[in-house]
Amino acid sequence: MENQTLVKEICPTTALEWVKNGVLLVDVREKDEVAQLAYDVPNIINIPLSEFEERYTEVPKDKKVVMVCKGGGRSLRAAGFLINHGYDPEKVVNMKLGMDGWVEKGFPTKGDISSYRTQSTGCCGSSGTQKQQSCCDNSPNSDGSKCC
């Protein structure tokens, strides 16, 4: 059972493409986080993780959804929760890197981006001046598409 992955993950670039094609984003960040900086996409709902167990049925079972948060961890937990509660693992995916990766890519947001801080760490971070090869370049998404 090594490397068993229950939840499929995609990068922000793939998530943006999917959203352009009508896929629903489910943002599990808390309301104050969303008020500060939100994903600027047409198909999005906010169900804070603190309310998720009571409200998860608001996520449609018949549509493909991308779970998002700030860094990818909370949304991964929420995606796993959905799958463990009968949602199709082919229709529920997590967006790696969350809002941090979304902002780093310059993708559309609503709010004050100047006060937003990402925590760019690891090979996908861009905090240094020298461009490193992205870890996403070496590990394609679970659907086979390239990240970043």
N, C-alpha and C. Protein backbone atom coordinates (compact mmCIF):
# COMPACT_ATOMS: atom_id res chain seq x y z
N MET A 1 0.82 -1.19 0.00
CA MET A 1 0.00 0.00 0.00
C MET A 1 0.87 1.25 0.00
N GLU A 2 2.07 1.14 -0.52
CA GLU A 2 2.93 2.32 -0.59
C GLU A 2 2.44 3.28 -1.65
N ASN A 3 2.60 4.58 -1.38
CA ASN A 3 2.25 5.64 -2.32
C ASN A 3 0.80 5.58 -2.80
N GLN A 4 -0.08 5.05 -1.99
CA GLN A 4 -1.49 5.02 -2.37
C GLN A 4 -2.06 6.42 -2.20
N THR A 5 -2.62 6.97 -3.27
CA THR A 5 -3.20 8.29 -3.22
C THR A 5 -4.69 8.18 -3.44
N LEU A 6 -5.45 8.60 -2.47
CA LEU A 6 -6.90 8.55 -2.57
C LEU A 6 -7.43 9.76 -3.32
N VAL A 7 -6.85 10.92 -3.08
CA VAL A 7 -7.33 12.16 -3.68
C VAL A 7 -6.40 12.58 -4.81
N LYS A 8 -6.95 12.80 -5.98
CA LYS A 8 -6.16 13.30 -7.10
C LYS A 8 -5.86 14.77 -6.87
N GLU A 9 -4.68 15.21 -7.33
CA GLU A 9 -4.29 16.60 -7.17
C GLU A 9 -3.90 17.19 -8.52
N ILE A 10 -4.22 18.47 -8.68
CA ILE A 10 -3.83 19.21 -9.87
C ILE A 10 -3.17 20.51 -9.43
N CYS A 11 -2.43 21.13 -10.33
CA CYS A 11 -1.77 22.39 -10.01
C CYS A 11 -2.69 23.57 -10.33
N PRO A 12 -2.34 24.78 -9.89
CA PRO A 12 -3.18 25.95 -10.18
C PRO A 12 -3.41 26.19 -11.67
N THR A 13 -2.42 25.93 -12.50
CA THR A 13 -2.58 26.14 -13.94
C THR A 13 -3.69 25.26 -14.50
N THR A 14 -3.67 23.99 -14.14
CA THR A 14 -4.71 23.07 -14.59
C THR A 14 -6.07 23.45 -14.00
N ALA A 15 -6.07 23.86 -12.73
CA ALA A 15 -7.33 24.26 -12.08
C ALA A 15 -7.95 25.45 -12.82
N LEU A 16 -7.15 26.42 -13.21
CA LEU A 16 -7.68 27.58 -13.93
C LEU A 16 -8.29 27.15 -15.27
N GLU A 17 -7.62 26.26 -15.96
CA GLU A 17 -8.16 25.76 -17.23
C GLU A 17 -9.50 25.05 -17.01
N TRP A 18 -9.57 24.23 -15.97
CA TRP A 18 -10.81 23.52 -15.68
C TRP A 18 -11.94 24.48 -15.34
N VAL A 19 -11.63 25.51 -14.55
CA VAL A 19 -12.64 26.50 -14.16
C VAL A 19 -13.15 27.23 -15.40
N LYS A 20 -12.26 27.52 -16.33
CA LYS A 20 -12.69 28.17 -17.58
C LYS A 20 -13.66 27.29 -18.36
N ASN A 21 -13.60 25.99 -18.11
CA ASN A 21 -14.50 25.04 -18.75
C ASN A 21 -15.69 24.66 -17.88
N GLY A 22 -15.94 25.41 -16.81
CA GLY A 22 -17.15 25.23 -16.02
C GLY A 22 -17.04 24.42 -14.75
N VAL A 23 -15.85 23.96 -14.40
CA VAL A 23 -15.69 23.19 -13.16
C VAL A 23 -15.87 24.12 -11.95
N LEU A 24 -16.45 23.60 -10.89
CA LEU A 24 -16.72 24.35 -9.67
C LEU A 24 -15.53 24.31 -8.73
N LEU A 25 -15.12 25.50 -8.22
CA LEU A 25 -14.12 25.56 -7.14
C LEU A 25 -14.87 25.58 -5.82
N VAL A 26 -14.39 24.82 -4.86
CA VAL A 26 -14.93 24.82 -3.50
C VAL A 26 -13.81 25.30 -2.58
N ASP A 27 -13.95 26.53 -2.09
CA ASP A 27 -12.95 27.16 -1.24
C ASP A 27 -13.28 26.86 0.22
N VAL A 28 -12.38 26.19 0.93
CA VAL A 28 -12.64 25.81 2.32
C VAL A 28 -11.94 26.74 3.32
N ARG A 29 -11.43 27.87 2.82
CA ARG A 29 -10.83 28.84 3.75
C ARG A 29 -11.93 29.51 4.58
N GLU A 30 -11.54 30.05 5.71
CA GLU A 30 -12.49 30.72 6.59
C GLU A 30 -12.92 32.06 5.97
N LYS A 31 -14.07 32.55 6.42
CA LYS A 31 -14.66 33.76 5.83
C LYS A 31 -13.73 34.97 5.87
N ASP A 32 -12.97 35.13 6.95
CA ASP A 32 -12.06 36.28 7.04
C ASP A 32 -10.93 36.18 6.01
N GLU A 33 -10.49 34.96 5.72
CA GLU A 33 -9.46 34.77 4.69
C GLU A 33 -10.00 35.14 3.31
N VAL A 34 -11.23 34.71 3.04
CA VAL A 34 -11.86 35.00 1.75
C VAL A 34 -12.11 36.50 1.60
N ALA A 35 -12.49 37.16 2.71
CA ALA A 35 -12.73 38.60 2.66
C ALA A 35 -11.44 39.36 2.32
N GLN A 36 -10.31 38.85 2.77
CA GLN A 36 -9.02 39.50 2.49
C GLN A 36 -8.63 39.31 1.02
N LEU A 37 -8.71 38.09 0.54
CA LEU A 37 -8.31 37.80 -0.84
C LEU A 37 -9.08 36.57 -1.31
N ALA A 38 -9.79 36.73 -2.45
CA ALA A 38 -10.63 35.65 -2.96
C ALA A 38 -10.20 35.26 -4.37
N TYR A 39 -10.50 34.03 -4.72
CA TYR A 39 -10.32 33.57 -6.10
C TYR A 39 -11.34 34.32 -6.95
N ASP A 40 -10.93 34.90 -8.05
CA ASP A 40 -11.84 35.64 -8.92
C ASP A 40 -12.21 34.75 -10.11
N VAL A 41 -13.13 33.84 -9.86
CA VAL A 41 -13.61 32.91 -10.88
C VAL A 41 -15.14 32.86 -10.79
N PRO A 42 -15.79 32.51 -11.90
CA PRO A 42 -17.26 32.53 -11.90
C PRO A 42 -17.91 31.40 -11.11
N ASN A 43 -17.32 30.24 -11.08
CA ASN A 43 -17.94 29.07 -10.45
C ASN A 43 -17.22 28.73 -9.16
N ILE A 44 -17.66 29.34 -8.07
CA ILE A 44 -17.00 29.09 -6.78
C ILE A 44 -18.01 29.17 -5.65
N ILE A 45 -17.83 28.31 -4.65
CA ILE A 45 -18.59 28.42 -3.41
C ILE A 45 -17.59 28.36 -2.25
N ASN A 46 -17.95 28.99 -1.16
CA ASN A 46 -17.12 28.99 0.04
C ASN A 46 -17.84 28.22 1.14
N ILE A 47 -17.22 27.13 1.56
CA ILE A 47 -17.69 26.37 2.72
C ILE A 47 -16.48 26.23 3.64
N PRO A 48 -16.38 27.11 4.66
CA PRO A 48 -15.22 27.04 5.55
C PRO A 48 -15.04 25.64 6.15
N LEU A 49 -13.79 25.23 6.29
CA LEU A 49 -13.51 23.91 6.84
C LEU A 49 -14.16 23.73 8.21
N SER A 50 -14.25 24.82 9.00
CA SER A 50 -14.86 24.74 10.33
C SER A 50 -16.36 24.40 10.25
N GLU A 51 -16.98 24.57 9.08
CA GLU A 51 -18.40 24.27 8.88
C GLU A 51 -18.61 23.09 7.93
N PHE A 52 -17.51 22.50 7.47
CA PHE A 52 -17.59 21.56 6.36
C PHE A 52 -18.42 20.31 6.67
N GLU A 53 -18.25 19.74 7.85
CA GLU A 53 -19.00 18.52 8.19
C GLU A 53 -20.50 18.75 8.16
N GLU A 54 -20.95 19.95 8.52
CA GLU A 54 -22.37 20.25 8.52
C GLU A 54 -22.87 20.65 7.14
N ARG A 55 -22.00 21.18 6.28
CA ARG A 55 -22.45 21.77 5.01
C ARG A 55 -21.95 21.04 3.75
N TYR A 56 -21.23 19.95 3.90
CA TYR A 56 -20.62 19.31 2.73
C TYR A 56 -21.63 18.90 1.67
N THR A 57 -22.88 18.68 2.04
CA THR A 57 -23.88 18.27 1.05
C THR A 57 -24.21 19.40 0.07
N GLU A 58 -23.74 20.62 0.33
CA GLU A 58 -23.90 21.72 -0.62
C GLU A 58 -23.01 21.52 -1.86
N VAL A 59 -22.02 20.64 -1.75
CA VAL A 59 -21.15 20.34 -2.88
C VAL A 59 -21.89 19.34 -3.76
N PRO A 60 -22.14 19.70 -5.02
CA PRO A 60 -22.89 18.78 -5.89
C PRO A 60 -22.13 17.48 -6.15
N LYS A 61 -22.85 16.37 -6.08
CA LYS A 61 -22.23 15.06 -6.32
C LYS A 61 -22.08 14.76 -7.81
N ASP A 62 -22.87 15.44 -8.64
CA ASP A 62 -22.90 15.12 -10.06
C ASP A 62 -21.96 15.98 -10.91
N LYS A 63 -21.18 16.86 -10.27
CA LYS A 63 -20.28 17.74 -11.02
C LYS A 63 -18.85 17.55 -10.56
N LYS A 64 -17.92 17.85 -11.45
CA LYS A 64 -16.51 17.81 -11.09
C LYS A 64 -16.21 19.06 -10.25
N VAL A 65 -15.49 18.87 -9.14
CA VAL A 65 -15.15 19.99 -8.26
C VAL A 65 -13.65 19.98 -7.95
N VAL A 66 -13.11 21.18 -7.79
CA VAL A 66 -11.73 21.36 -7.37
C VAL A 66 -11.76 22.01 -6.00
N MET A 67 -11.18 21.32 -5.03
CA MET A 67 -11.12 21.82 -3.66
C MET A 67 -9.90 22.73 -3.52
N VAL A 68 -10.09 23.91 -2.88
CA VAL A 68 -9.00 24.88 -2.73
C VAL A 68 -8.99 25.47 -1.33
N CYS A 69 -7.80 25.95 -0.94
CA CYS A 69 -7.64 26.68 0.33
C CYS A 69 -6.45 27.61 0.16
N LYS A 70 -5.69 27.87 1.22
CA LYS A 70 -4.53 28.76 1.13
C LYS A 70 -3.30 28.05 0.62
N GLY A 71 -3.02 26.86 1.15
CA GLY A 71 -1.80 26.16 0.78
C GLY A 71 -2.00 24.76 0.24
N GLY A 72 -3.22 24.26 0.27
CA GLY A 72 -3.51 22.94 -0.27
C GLY A 72 -3.79 21.86 0.76
N GLY A 73 -3.47 22.11 2.01
CA GLY A 73 -3.64 21.09 3.05
C GLY A 73 -5.08 20.92 3.52
N ARG A 74 -5.74 22.02 3.83
CA ARG A 74 -7.13 21.92 4.31
C ARG A 74 -8.04 21.40 3.21
N SER A 75 -7.80 21.85 1.98
CA SER A 75 -8.64 21.39 0.87
C SER A 75 -8.42 19.90 0.60
N LEU A 76 -7.19 19.42 0.81
CA LEU A 76 -6.91 17.99 0.65
C LEU A 76 -7.73 17.18 1.67
N ARG A 77 -7.78 17.66 2.90
CA ARG A 77 -8.58 16.98 3.93
C ARG A 77 -10.06 17.00 3.56
N ALA A 78 -10.55 18.14 3.07
CA ALA A 78 -11.96 18.25 2.69
C ALA A 78 -12.27 17.33 1.51
N ALA A 79 -11.36 17.23 0.55
CA ALA A 79 -11.56 16.33 -0.60
C ALA A 79 -11.64 14.88 -0.12
N GLY A 80 -10.74 14.50 0.77
CA GLY A 80 -10.77 13.15 1.33
C GLY A 80 -12.06 12.88 2.08
N PHE A 81 -12.53 13.89 2.81
CA PHE A 81 -13.80 13.77 3.53
C PHE A 81 -14.95 13.49 2.56
N LEU A 82 -14.99 14.25 1.45
CA LEU A 82 -16.05 14.05 0.46
C LEU A 82 -16.01 12.63 -0.11
N ILE A 83 -14.83 12.19 -0.48
CA ILE A 83 -14.68 10.85 -1.06
C ILE A 83 -15.10 9.78 -0.06
N ASN A 84 -14.75 9.98 1.20
CA ASN A 84 -15.14 9.02 2.25
C ASN A 84 -16.64 9.08 2.57
N HIS A 85 -17.32 10.11 2.05
CA HIS A 85 -18.76 10.25 2.25
C HIS A 85 -19.52 10.05 0.94
N GLY A 86 -18.95 9.24 0.06
CA GLY A 86 -19.68 8.81 -1.11
C GLY A 86 -19.51 9.60 -2.39
N TYR A 87 -18.66 10.62 -2.38
CA TYR A 87 -18.41 11.37 -3.60
C TYR A 87 -17.45 10.59 -4.50
N ASP A 88 -17.63 10.72 -5.79
CA ASP A 88 -16.83 10.02 -6.79
C ASP A 88 -15.40 10.55 -6.80
N PRO A 89 -14.38 9.71 -6.54
CA PRO A 89 -12.99 10.18 -6.55
C PRO A 89 -12.54 10.69 -7.91
N GLU A 90 -13.27 10.39 -8.96
CA GLU A 90 -12.95 10.92 -10.29
C GLU A 90 -13.48 12.34 -10.46
N LYS A 91 -14.38 12.76 -9.57
CA LYS A 91 -15.00 14.09 -9.70
C LYS A 91 -14.52 15.07 -8.64
N VAL A 92 -13.78 14.60 -7.65
CA VAL A 92 -13.29 15.47 -6.57
C VAL A 92 -11.77 15.49 -6.64
N VAL A 93 -11.20 16.66 -6.89
CA VAL A 93 -9.74 16.79 -6.93
C VAL A 93 -9.32 17.95 -6.04
N ASN A 94 -8.08 17.91 -5.62
CA ASN A 94 -7.51 18.97 -4.80
C ASN A 94 -6.53 19.79 -5.63
N MET A 95 -6.53 21.11 -5.40
CA MET A 95 -5.55 21.96 -6.06
C MET A 95 -4.33 22.11 -5.15
N LYS A 96 -3.19 21.60 -5.62
CA LYS A 96 -1.94 21.74 -4.88
C LYS A 96 -1.59 23.22 -4.76
N LEU A 97 -0.93 23.58 -3.70
CA LEU A 97 -0.38 24.92 -3.45
C LEU A 97 -1.42 25.97 -3.12
N GLY A 98 -2.70 25.71 -3.33
CA GLY A 98 -3.77 26.62 -2.93
C GLY A 98 -3.62 28.04 -3.43
N MET A 99 -4.13 28.98 -2.64
CA MET A 99 -4.06 30.39 -3.00
C MET A 99 -2.61 30.84 -3.14
N ASP A 100 -1.71 30.25 -2.37
CA ASP A 100 -0.30 30.61 -2.48
C ASP A 100 0.20 30.40 -3.91
N GLY A 101 -0.10 29.25 -4.48
CA GLY A 101 0.32 28.96 -5.85
C GLY A 101 -0.43 29.78 -6.87
N TRP A 102 -1.71 30.04 -6.59
CA TRP A 102 -2.56 30.84 -7.48
C TRP A 102 -2.01 32.25 -7.60
N VAL A 103 -1.68 32.86 -6.46
CA VAL A 103 -1.13 34.22 -6.44
C VAL A 103 0.24 34.25 -7.11
N GLU A 104 1.06 33.26 -6.82
CA GLU A 104 2.39 33.19 -7.40
C GLU A 104 2.33 33.17 -8.93
N LYS A 105 1.30 32.53 -9.47
CA LYS A 105 1.11 32.45 -10.92
C LYS A 105 0.49 33.72 -11.50
N GLY A 106 0.00 34.61 -10.64
CA GLY A 106 -0.64 35.84 -11.13
C GLY A 106 -2.05 35.62 -11.63
N PHE A 107 -2.71 34.56 -11.16
CA PHE A 107 -4.06 34.26 -11.60
C PHE A 107 -5.07 35.21 -10.93
N PRO A 108 -6.29 35.32 -11.48
CA PRO A 108 -7.24 36.34 -11.02
C PRO A 108 -7.69 36.19 -9.56
N THR A 109 -7.62 37.33 -8.87
CA THR A 109 -8.05 37.39 -7.48
C THR A 109 -8.86 38.66 -7.26
N LYS A 110 -9.62 38.67 -6.17
CA LYS A 110 -10.35 39.86 -5.72
C LYS A 110 -9.85 40.18 -4.33
N GLY A 111 -9.49 41.43 -4.10
CA GLY A 111 -9.03 41.83 -2.78
C GLY A 111 -7.67 42.49 -2.85
N ASP A 112 -7.10 42.71 -1.68
CA ASP A 112 -5.83 43.41 -1.56
C ASP A 112 -4.67 42.43 -1.60
N ILE A 113 -4.09 42.28 -2.76
CA ILE A 113 -2.99 41.34 -2.93
C ILE A 113 -1.69 41.86 -2.29
N SER A 114 -1.60 43.18 -2.11
CA SER A 114 -0.36 43.75 -1.57
C SER A 114 -0.09 43.30 -0.14
N SER A 115 -1.12 42.98 0.61
CA SER A 115 -0.92 42.54 2.00
C SER A 115 -0.87 41.02 2.12
N TYR A 116 -1.00 40.33 0.99
CA TYR A 116 -1.02 38.87 1.01
C TYR A 116 0.40 38.34 0.97
N ARG A 117 0.68 37.40 1.84
CA ARG A 117 2.00 36.78 1.88
C ARG A 117 1.88 35.31 1.57
N THR A 118 2.67 34.87 0.61
CA THR A 118 2.74 33.43 0.36
C THR A 118 3.93 32.90 1.11
N GLN A 119 3.91 31.64 1.38
CA GLN A 119 5.05 31.01 2.03
C GLN A 119 5.68 30.08 1.01
N SER A 120 6.45 30.68 0.11
CA SER A 120 7.09 29.91 -0.95
C SER A 120 8.25 29.11 -0.39
N THR A 121 8.01 27.83 -0.26
CA THR A 121 9.06 26.95 0.20
C THR A 121 9.10 25.75 -0.71
N GLY A 122 10.20 25.08 -0.74
CA GLY A 122 10.31 23.90 -1.57
C GLY A 122 10.66 24.24 -3.00
N CYS A 123 10.66 23.24 -3.84
CA CYS A 123 11.12 23.42 -5.21
C CYS A 123 10.17 24.24 -6.06
N CYS A 124 8.92 24.35 -5.67
CA CYS A 124 7.98 25.13 -6.49
C CYS A 124 7.98 26.60 -6.09
N GLY A 125 8.64 26.96 -5.02
CA GLY A 125 8.69 28.35 -4.59
C GLY A 125 9.55 29.18 -5.51
N SER A 126 9.27 30.48 -5.52
CA SER A 126 10.06 31.35 -6.38
C SER A 126 10.63 32.52 -5.58
N SER A 127 10.99 32.26 -4.34
CA SER A 127 11.48 33.34 -3.50
C SER A 127 12.89 33.76 -3.86
N GLY A 128 13.65 32.89 -4.51
CA GLY A 128 15.00 33.25 -4.91
C GLY A 128 15.03 33.94 -6.25
N THR A 129 16.17 34.54 -6.59
CA THR A 129 16.26 35.22 -7.87
C THR A 129 16.59 34.26 -8.99
N GLN A 130 17.22 33.14 -8.67
CA GLN A 130 17.54 32.17 -9.70
C GLN A 130 16.37 31.22 -9.87
N LYS A 131 15.92 31.06 -11.11
CA LYS A 131 14.78 30.19 -11.39
C LYS A 131 15.21 28.74 -11.32
N GLN A 132 14.61 28.00 -10.39
CA GLN A 132 14.89 26.58 -10.27
C GLN A 132 13.87 25.82 -11.09
N GLN A 133 14.24 24.60 -11.45
CA GLN A 133 13.27 23.77 -12.14
C GLN A 133 12.16 23.43 -11.15
N SER A 134 10.95 23.56 -11.60
CA SER A 134 9.81 23.32 -10.75
C SER A 134 9.62 21.83 -10.50
N CYS A 135 9.22 21.49 -9.28
CA CYS A 135 8.91 20.09 -8.99
C CYS A 135 7.73 19.63 -9.83
N CYS A 136 6.89 20.57 -10.20
CA CYS A 136 5.74 20.21 -11.03
C CYS A 136 6.18 19.73 -12.40
N ASP A 137 7.33 20.20 -12.90
CA ASP A 137 7.82 19.79 -14.21
C ASP A 137 8.20 18.31 -14.21
N ASN A 138 8.56 17.79 -13.05
CA ASN A 138 9.01 16.41 -12.96
C ASN A 138 7.91 15.44 -12.56
N SER A 139 6.81 15.96 -12.04
CA SER A 139 5.74 15.08 -11.61
C SER A 139 4.43 15.56 -12.21
N PRO A 140 4.00 14.92 -13.29
CA PRO A 140 2.75 15.35 -13.91
C PRO A 140 1.57 15.14 -12.98
N ASN A 141 0.51 15.85 -13.26
CA ASN A 141 -0.73 15.69 -12.49
C ASN A 141 -1.25 14.28 -12.65
N SER A 142 -2.15 13.89 -11.79
CA SER A 142 -2.72 12.55 -11.85
C SER A 142 -3.46 12.30 -13.17
N ASP A 143 -3.85 13.39 -13.86
CA ASP A 143 -4.51 13.20 -15.16
C ASP A 143 -3.52 13.19 -16.31
N GLY A 144 -2.21 13.25 -15.99
CA GLY A 144 -1.18 13.19 -17.01
C GLY A 144 -0.75 14.52 -17.57
N SER A 145 -1.49 15.61 -17.27
CA SER A 145 -1.13 16.92 -17.79
C SER A 145 0.06 17.48 -17.03
N LYS A 146 0.79 18.36 -17.68
CA LYS A 146 1.94 19.00 -17.03
C LYS A 146 1.47 20.18 -16.19
N CYS A 147 2.14 20.37 -15.10
CA CYS A 147 1.84 21.45 -14.19
C CYS A 147 2.71 22.66 -14.50
N CYS A 148 2.31 23.80 -14.03
CA CYS A 148 3.08 25.04 -14.08
C CYS A 148 3.43 25.46 -15.45
